[in-house]
Each structure stands twice: as structure tokens, then as C-alpha cells.
Protein backbone atom coordinates (compact mmCIF):
# COMPACT_ATOMS: atom_id res chain seq x y z
CA GLU A 1 73.36 12.96 80.27
CA GLY A 2 69.79 11.75 79.69
CA GLU A 3 70.63 10.06 76.44
CA LEU A 4 69.73 6.44 75.92
CA LYS A 5 72.56 4.02 75.79
CA LEU A 6 72.68 2.02 72.62
CA ILE A 7 73.17 -1.73 72.84
CA ASN A 8 74.40 -4.26 70.39
CA PRO A 9 71.95 -7.22 69.98
CA ASP A 10 74.95 -9.47 69.39
CA ASP A 11 76.02 -8.81 72.88
CA ILE A 12 72.74 -10.23 74.40
CA PRO A 13 72.86 -14.00 74.72
CA GLY A 14 69.12 -14.19 74.65
CA MET A 15 68.97 -12.64 71.27
CA HIS A 16 71.04 -15.38 69.67
CA TYR A 17 69.07 -17.92 67.63
CA ASP A 18 69.73 -21.57 68.42
CA GLU A 19 67.73 -24.08 66.31
CA ASN A 20 68.29 -26.70 68.96
CA VAL A 21 66.62 -24.69 71.71
CA HIS A 22 62.93 -25.59 72.07
CA PRO A 23 61.04 -26.56 75.24
CA ILE A 24 59.57 -29.78 73.98
CA PRO A 25 61.98 -32.20 72.23
CA HIS A 26 59.41 -33.67 69.79
CA GLN A 27 57.97 -30.25 68.90
CA PRO A 28 60.82 -28.38 67.19
CA TRP A 29 58.32 -25.86 65.79
CA ARG A 30 57.46 -24.56 69.24
CA ARG A 31 60.01 -21.93 70.27
CA GLY A 32 60.43 -19.77 73.40
CA ASP A 33 60.70 -20.34 77.11
CA THR A 34 57.56 -21.96 78.55
CA ASP A 35 58.97 -21.64 82.10
CA GLY A 36 57.90 -25.13 83.11
CA CYS A 37 54.29 -24.70 81.91
CA GLU A 38 54.79 -27.55 79.41
CA ASP A 39 54.83 -29.97 82.30
CA PRO A 40 52.21 -32.69 82.09
CA ILE A 41 48.84 -32.26 83.85
CA GLU A 42 49.94 -34.91 86.35
CA ALA A 43 53.01 -32.93 87.41
CA PRO A 44 53.46 -32.87 91.22
CA TRP A 45 53.35 -29.10 91.44
CA ARG A 46 50.02 -28.99 89.57
CA GLN A 47 48.55 -31.72 91.72
CA GLU A 48 49.58 -29.94 94.93
CA ALA A 49 48.09 -26.65 93.58
CA GLU A 50 44.88 -28.28 92.72
CA MET A 51 44.61 -29.73 96.26
CA LEU A 52 45.27 -26.30 97.71
CA ILE A 53 42.65 -24.76 95.46
CA LYS A 54 39.96 -27.23 96.35
CA ASN A 55 40.77 -27.14 100.11
CA ALA A 56 40.68 -23.32 100.15
CA ALA A 57 37.30 -23.18 98.50
CA MET A 58 35.94 -25.95 100.70
CA ALA A 59 37.11 -24.07 103.87
CA VAL A 60 34.77 -21.13 103.11
CA GLY A 61 31.82 -23.35 101.99
CA GLY A 62 32.49 -23.48 98.25
CA ASN A 63 33.00 -26.44 95.97
CA VAL A 64 35.54 -26.57 93.04
CA VAL A 65 34.21 -28.87 90.39
CA ASP A 66 37.42 -29.00 88.31
CA VAL A 67 40.77 -27.28 87.63
CA THR A 68 41.90 -26.88 84.04
CA TRP A 69 45.45 -25.74 83.20
CA TYR A 70 46.56 -23.63 80.27
CA MET A 71 49.91 -22.10 79.36
CA SER A 72 49.38 -18.81 81.16
CA ASN A 73 46.20 -19.27 83.19
CA VAL A 74 44.41 -21.76 85.37
CA MET A 75 40.67 -22.14 84.97
CA ILE A 76 38.82 -22.97 88.25
CA SER A 77 35.23 -24.31 87.74
CA VAL A 78 33.22 -23.46 90.79
CA ASP A 79 29.80 -24.99 91.74
CA PRO A 80 27.15 -22.36 91.09
CA ASP A 81 25.48 -23.18 94.38
CA LEU A 82 27.10 -20.59 96.70
CA SER A 83 24.50 -20.77 99.46
CA ASN A 84 26.97 -22.35 101.95
CA VAL A 85 29.72 -19.86 101.38
CA GLU A 86 30.68 -17.89 104.48
CA GLN A 87 30.88 -14.29 103.32
CA TYR A 88 33.54 -12.28 105.09
CA SER A 89 34.83 -10.11 102.26
CA THR A 90 34.25 -6.46 103.11
CA GLY A 91 35.68 -5.16 99.83
CA PRO A 92 33.86 -4.58 96.59
CA PRO A 93 32.68 -7.74 94.79
CA ILE A 94 34.79 -9.11 91.98
CA GLN A 95 34.02 -8.16 88.44
CA VAL A 96 31.75 -10.64 86.64
CA GLU A 97 32.08 -10.93 82.88
CA TYR A 98 28.68 -11.25 81.31
CA PRO A 99 27.80 -12.70 77.83
CA ASP A 100 27.89 -10.14 75.02
CA ASP A 101 24.42 -9.00 73.93
CA ASN A 102 25.74 -9.23 70.31
CA PRO A 103 28.02 -12.21 70.24
CA TYR A 104 28.56 -12.09 66.46
CA PRO A 105 31.24 -9.80 65.19
CA LEU A 106 30.12 -6.97 63.00
CA TRP A 107 31.77 -6.52 59.61
CA GLU A 108 31.67 -3.08 58.10
CA ASP A 109 31.70 -3.08 54.35
CA PRO A 110 33.90 -0.21 53.14
CA GLU A 111 31.83 -0.02 50.02
CA ASP A 112 28.52 0.18 51.88
CA ASP A 113 26.78 3.46 50.93
CA GLY A 114 24.19 3.26 53.72
CA THR A 115 21.21 2.57 51.44
CA ASN A 116 20.78 -0.99 52.68
CA TYR A 117 21.06 -2.31 49.21
CA PHE A 118 22.70 -5.65 49.14
CA ASP A 119 24.65 -7.19 46.25
CA LYS A 120 23.02 -9.94 44.14
CA PHE A 121 24.96 -12.57 42.32
CA ASN A 122 24.24 -14.83 39.41
CA PRO A 123 24.09 -18.36 40.95
CA GLU A 124 25.73 -19.90 37.81
CA THR A 125 28.50 -17.42 37.05
CA GLY A 126 28.99 -15.85 40.47
CA VAL A 127 29.14 -12.40 38.83
CA GLU A 128 27.31 -9.52 40.47
CA ILE A 129 23.95 -8.63 39.00
CA ILE A 130 23.60 -4.85 38.48
CA ASP A 131 20.09 -3.86 39.57
CA PRO A 132 18.91 -0.85 37.42
CA ASP A 133 16.61 0.22 40.24
CA ALA A 134 19.38 0.35 42.78
CA PRO A 135 20.44 3.81 43.98
CA PRO A 136 23.60 5.10 42.39
CA PRO A 137 26.75 4.42 44.38
CA GLN A 138 28.54 7.35 46.02
CA GLU A 139 31.32 8.84 43.93
CA ILE A 140 34.84 7.90 45.02
CA TYR A 141 37.55 10.56 44.71
CA ASP A 142 41.27 10.04 44.39
CA PRO A 143 42.78 11.31 47.67
CA ASN A 144 45.81 12.67 45.73
CA THR A 145 44.23 14.41 42.73
CA GLY A 146 40.68 14.96 44.07
CA ARG A 147 39.24 13.66 40.82
CA PRO A 148 36.45 11.17 40.55
CA GLN A 149 37.62 7.61 40.22
CA LYS A 150 36.14 4.97 37.90
CA PRO A 151 33.41 2.81 39.50
CA PRO A 152 34.71 -0.58 40.66
CA PRO A 153 34.12 -3.64 38.37
CA PRO A 154 31.31 -6.08 39.15
CA LYS A 155 32.01 -8.24 42.15
CA VAL A 156 32.51 -12.03 41.95
CA TRP A 157 31.16 -14.37 44.57
CA ASP A 158 34.00 -15.63 46.77
CA GLU A 159 33.35 -18.89 48.61
CA VAL A 160 36.15 -18.17 51.04
CA SER A 161 34.85 -14.80 52.11
CA ALA A 162 31.38 -16.33 52.57
CA PHE A 163 32.72 -18.92 55.08
CA GLN A 164 30.71 -19.03 58.23
CA ASP A 165 32.70 -19.36 61.45
CA TYR A 166 29.87 -21.07 63.18
CA ASP A 167 27.67 -23.85 61.93
CA ASP A 168 23.88 -23.82 62.25
CA GLU A 169 23.82 -25.76 65.55
CA GLU A 170 26.32 -23.36 67.03
CA ILE A 171 24.26 -20.32 66.07
CA ILE A 172 21.15 -21.90 67.49
CA ARG A 173 22.92 -22.76 70.73
CA MET A 174 24.29 -19.17 71.12
CA GLU A 175 20.84 -17.64 70.35
CA THR A 176 19.00 -19.82 72.79
CA ALA A 177 21.55 -19.60 75.58
CA PRO A 178 20.25 -17.99 78.78
CA ARG A 179 21.34 -14.37 79.18
CA GLN A 180 22.61 -12.88 82.33
CA GLU A 181 21.17 -9.45 83.24
CA LYS A 182 23.33 -6.38 82.97
CA PRO A 183 23.62 -3.93 85.95
CA ASP A 184 21.04 -1.23 85.99
CA GLY A 185 21.55 2.51 86.06
CA ASP A 186 22.70 2.42 89.70
CA LYS A 187 25.19 -0.37 88.84
CA ASN A 188 23.16 -2.89 90.96
CA PHE A 189 23.26 -6.44 89.64
CA ALA A 190 19.90 -8.21 89.37
CA HIS A 191 21.06 -11.73 88.74
CA SER A 192 21.54 -15.06 90.53
CA VAL A 193 25.28 -14.87 90.92
CA ASP A 194 26.32 -13.88 94.41
CA THR A 195 29.38 -11.75 93.64
CA HIS A 196 30.22 -11.37 97.33
CA ALA A 197 30.30 -15.18 97.84
CA LEU A 198 32.34 -15.51 94.68
CA SER A 199 34.75 -12.93 96.00
CA THR A 200 35.08 -14.94 99.25
CA ILE A 201 36.07 -18.06 97.30
CA ALA A 202 38.50 -16.09 95.13
CA ARG A 203 40.11 -14.51 98.18
CA ALA A 204 40.52 -17.81 99.92
CA ILE A 205 42.09 -19.37 96.81
CA LEU A 206 44.49 -16.50 96.21
CA GLU A 207 45.54 -16.35 99.85
CA SER A 208 46.36 -20.05 99.71
CA LEU A 209 48.37 -19.85 96.47
CA GLU A 210 50.07 -16.57 97.43
CA ASP A 211 51.48 -17.90 100.59
CA PRO A 212 55.23 -17.19 100.37
CA ASP A 213 56.25 -20.78 100.97
CA VAL A 214 53.73 -22.06 98.49
CA GLU A 215 54.56 -19.50 95.83
CA ASP A 216 58.27 -20.12 96.14
CA ARG A 217 57.67 -23.87 95.51
CA LEU A 218 54.89 -23.92 92.98
CA ARG A 219 54.97 -20.43 91.35
CA VAL A 220 51.38 -20.69 90.29
CA CYS A 221 50.46 -16.97 90.62
CA GLU A 222 53.75 -15.93 89.11
CA ARG A 223 53.15 -17.95 85.95
CA HIS A 224 49.34 -18.02 85.71
CA GLU A 225 46.26 -15.85 85.79
CA VAL A 226 43.68 -17.40 88.14
CA ILE A 227 40.21 -17.44 86.61
CA LEU A 228 37.01 -18.54 88.23
CA THR A 229 34.14 -19.87 86.10
CA SER A 230 31.04 -22.08 86.29
CA PRO A 231 30.69 -25.42 84.54
CA SER A 232 29.09 -25.25 81.12
CA LEU A 233 25.48 -26.46 80.89
CA ASP A 234 25.86 -27.55 77.30
CA PRO A 235 26.58 -31.37 77.38
CA THR A 236 28.12 -31.33 73.87
CA ILE A 237 30.98 -29.00 74.81
CA ILE A 238 34.21 -30.37 76.37
CA GLU A 239 36.10 -27.70 78.34
CA SER A 240 37.29 -28.94 81.63
CA GLN A 241 40.19 -31.37 82.16
CA THR A 242 37.97 -34.10 83.65
CA GLN A 243 35.69 -33.95 80.65
CA PHE A 244 38.75 -34.28 78.34
CA ASP A 245 40.04 -37.24 80.36
CA ASP A 246 36.58 -38.94 80.11
CA ALA A 247 36.47 -38.41 76.35
CA ARG A 248 39.82 -39.99 75.61
CA GLY A 249 39.46 -42.53 72.70
CA LEU A 250 36.11 -41.10 71.62
CA ASP A 251 35.35 -38.94 68.52
CA VAL A 252 35.57 -35.16 69.11
CA LEU A 253 35.18 -32.16 66.95
CA VAL A 254 37.83 -29.50 67.28
CA TYR A 255 36.76 -26.03 66.10
CA THR A 256 39.87 -23.98 65.21
CA GLN A 257 40.38 -20.20 65.13
CA ASP A 258 43.39 -18.31 63.77
CA PRO A 259 44.31 -14.83 62.43
CA TRP A 260 44.40 -16.11 58.82
CA ASN A 261 40.71 -16.87 58.62
CA SER A 262 41.37 -20.59 57.82
CA ASN A 263 39.02 -21.77 60.55
CA ARG A 264 37.85 -25.32 60.14
CA VAL A 265 36.50 -28.32 61.98
CA LEU A 266 38.78 -31.32 62.72
CA ARG A 267 37.29 -34.67 63.65
CA GLY A 268 39.14 -37.50 65.23
CA LYS A 269 39.75 -39.66 68.26
CA LEU A 270 40.84 -37.68 71.34
CA VAL A 271 44.32 -38.82 72.42
CA GLU A 272 45.39 -36.18 74.96
CA ARG A 273 44.67 -32.74 76.29
CA ASN A 274 47.48 -30.87 78.05
CA ALA A 275 48.17 -27.31 78.98
CA LEU A 276 49.52 -26.47 75.57
CA ASP A 277 47.72 -28.66 73.04
CA VAL A 278 44.88 -30.93 72.16
CA ILE A 279 45.96 -34.06 70.27
CA ILE A 280 43.59 -36.09 68.14
CA ASN A 281 43.94 -39.15 65.95
CA MET A 282 42.57 -38.46 62.47
CA GLU A 283 42.55 -41.80 60.60
CA GLY A 284 45.85 -42.92 62.06
CA ARG A 285 47.56 -39.50 61.80
CA MET A 286 48.34 -37.69 65.01
CA VAL A 287 47.23 -34.04 64.77
CA THR A 288 48.42 -31.50 67.45
CA VAL A 289 46.23 -28.40 67.77
CA PRO A 290 47.71 -25.61 70.06
CA GLN A 291 45.31 -24.38 72.73
CA ASN A 292 45.50 -20.78 71.47
CA MET A 293 44.15 -21.88 68.06
CA ILE A 294 41.12 -23.70 69.48
CA HIS A 295 37.69 -22.06 69.57
CA GLU A 296 36.00 -25.07 71.31
CA VAL A 297 35.93 -28.84 71.40
CA LYS A 298 32.68 -30.72 71.16
CA ARG A 299 31.43 -34.27 71.00
CA PRO A 300 29.51 -35.33 67.89
CA LYS A 301 25.75 -35.56 68.19
CA GLY A 302 24.79 -38.80 69.86
CA TYR A 303 27.86 -38.95 72.04
CA THR A 304 26.71 -36.55 74.72
CA LYS A 305 25.36 -37.17 78.16
CA PRO A 306 22.03 -35.51 79.10
CA PRO A 307 22.15 -32.55 81.45
CA PRO A 308 21.42 -33.25 85.16
CA GLY A 309 17.89 -34.45 85.48
CA GLY A 310 17.48 -35.03 81.73
CA LYS A 311 16.79 -38.29 79.90
CA ALA A 312 18.36 -39.88 76.83
CA LYS A 313 17.05 -42.36 74.30
CA ARG A 314 19.04 -45.35 73.29
CA GLY A 315 20.48 -44.68 69.82
CA PRO A 316 23.48 -45.27 67.48
CA ILE A 317 26.76 -43.54 67.49
CA THR A 318 28.85 -43.60 64.26
CA ASP A 319 31.88 -42.06 62.79
CA GLY A 320 29.69 -39.87 60.62
CA GLU A 321 30.58 -41.77 57.50
CA GLY A 322 28.57 -44.98 58.27
CA GLY A 323 30.07 -48.28 59.21
CA ASN A 324 31.19 -49.31 62.64
CA GLY A 325 30.08 -47.54 65.72
CA TYR A 326 28.53 -48.12 69.16
CA TRP A 327 25.12 -48.24 70.75
CA TYR A 328 24.95 -45.93 73.66
CA ASP A 329 22.75 -45.78 76.70
CA VAL A 330 22.75 -43.64 79.84
CA ASN A 331 21.97 -45.35 83.08
CA GLU A 332 20.49 -43.75 86.22
CA ASP A 333 23.90 -42.54 87.40
CA GLY A 334 24.43 -40.63 84.21
CA ASP A 335 27.11 -43.03 82.98
CA GLU A 336 27.32 -44.09 79.30
CA GLU A 337 27.18 -47.70 78.28
CA PHE A 338 28.41 -48.79 74.90
CA GLU A 339 27.86 -51.88 72.68
CA GLU A 340 29.66 -52.15 69.37
CA PHE A 341 27.73 -52.56 66.11
CA ASP A 342 28.56 -52.83 62.42
CA ASP A 343 27.20 -51.17 59.25
CA LEU A 344 24.23 -49.32 60.66
CA ASP A 345 22.36 -46.50 58.96
CA THR A 346 23.70 -43.23 60.39
CA ASP A 347 20.40 -41.38 59.94
CA ASP A 348 18.94 -42.89 63.10
CA GLU A 349 20.75 -40.92 65.65
CA GLY A 350 20.05 -40.76 69.36
CA GLU A 351 18.26 -37.68 70.57
CA PHE A 352 17.59 -36.22 73.95
CA GLU A 353 14.09 -35.77 75.19
């Protein structure tokens, strides 16, 4: 009594490997049960859920700008103007996630001796330059014998380890982005986000989706985490479904992220964005990038629309290698107009003013 009963994995049908079982026929590399979340964005259950989400927010005075689906969550972009929201929530406001004060990951060098002395390398050979004026390194002892170990050999510059996850423009964008204030000592928020109004919208949306009849048919809350966010103010970033739909056939930059530190930037024509993948055409080759390996998707410089109230100069858009491209212009409604050109110098790019 009280002992755990041993089971045989061979007796569990779900443990049996079947190479023919994969949720998407043309993606044999994707395994597992996606529970219907591989359905297209235009699936009827998604369209009905979007209608319910928008109507629920509208009923309390809010405005849903867009709804973006992922494998396990649904991202709801809410208009930041919450002045018309009828606040009836008596509970505590929902938790707001603020930008990190230090968005860059800190890397701790296990060989750092705390003297703030940084390694110097010969630019031609890549071998470390031993500075005679540098403080002596701390002795390293063998954990088994307790005896001092030999000092490590000179380091060699490694291009891979020196790879930067963010390009210069990305760093500038993150450093100049507006910061939301943190709560003070009394945990009072001094910021422009009305958390009570946001809670009212969230409550209305969840009540609509969690209705027993709705949940039995659509199973949105069962399969997805519901996340409320605000639209990005950066015109170069593509993050919502509507933005992806508008960018089909245009050049995009896909910044990847993965656990193997092989992050890179892929450039191609946007073909499709669905809940699982972003598909681009790279010189005639279809490349599928899973959503969980994407850091962000951006439009190349010169393709972007100005922010609301901004202006844009007329300028060229190219593929980055010279050759064919399009002149772009932005009319009073904020819509882009294109005119094809051939063999234009790519240095003269359009800029915002």
C-alpha cells in the first residue's frame, strides 16, 4: 500500500512512435498534437472568436485594433485611448508588464577577476596580447587535489562568440524607446495606462469567451492564453496579423532566435503568416520559420509608413543589392503608392522627416 504502480511504456498507445503521424501533411518535421491550432487564420472558429472579442471590448467602450493568433496564445491589440471605457471592475487592476530597465542580457565571464581589465587581441593574428601592467590573475585550484592549476593559454578571438544579437539600428531603437514608469514605494503606478479600464476590457473579453456555449464550440480559452497589448509605435516592425497581411509580397527581414546561438537575419518576400510559421520567398526558395524561433519581423528601411501625423519623403526602395525596385510615396491617408524602376543607385534611400 502506498507504493507507486509501475507501468510499461509499450502498453501506452500515445508512447508509440509513428512516422506518419504529424499534424500538417506537408511538414513531416513537425511532430505532436497541435489540437486544431494549426488551422488557418481564416478558420471559422477564429473569425467568430475575433468578432466576439471586438464586440465585447466595444460594449464597454474599448476598441480592439487587431487580433493575432499564435499556437498557444492570442494577442489582442487594444487602442491605448481608454477614455471611453466604462469602469465597473471592483477588483484589483490587472498586472501590467513594463519594459525592462536593462533590456540587454548580462554575460558573466567565469574568468573575470573583478579588476575591470579587459582582454586585448592582436588584430592580425587574433591572439591575446598579454599586458605586463595588468594585475596578476587569481590562482585557480584543482577542486580534487587542492593544488594550483596552470594558467590558461592565451585566448584567441572567436568571431562566433563576438556575434551581436542586435544590429546598430535595433540598439538605437531600444535605447531611445520611451520608458514606462515603475510603481513607487507604495506600489502606486504613475503612468498613462489606466489599469482599471484595461481590467474592464479584459473582463468583458474573458466573460464573452468563457461563456459555456462559446467555449464548448470554439475552445479558445482552453487552448490559448489571452494577452492584451497595445499597438507598436515603431513603423518598421511587423507584429499584428493585419500588418502581415498588408506586407504580403513585400521584402521583410526576419530576425531569428534559437537556443543554439545561430541567430541570423533572413530577407525575402513575405508569402504568409499563420499561427505556427512565417513563410518567406528567398530568391525562389520557400523558407518556413516557426513562430517560436522568431525574435521579430521588420520591413527594410524605405518600406515603412510614417507614424500617425508624420511625413515621408518620396524615395527609392530596392532589394538591398541594387537593381529593380519601386518608388514609394505616402498619400494623405497614409497609404503607400509604388512605381517600378530599374537599376537605381541604392544609396539614395527614402527617409522620414
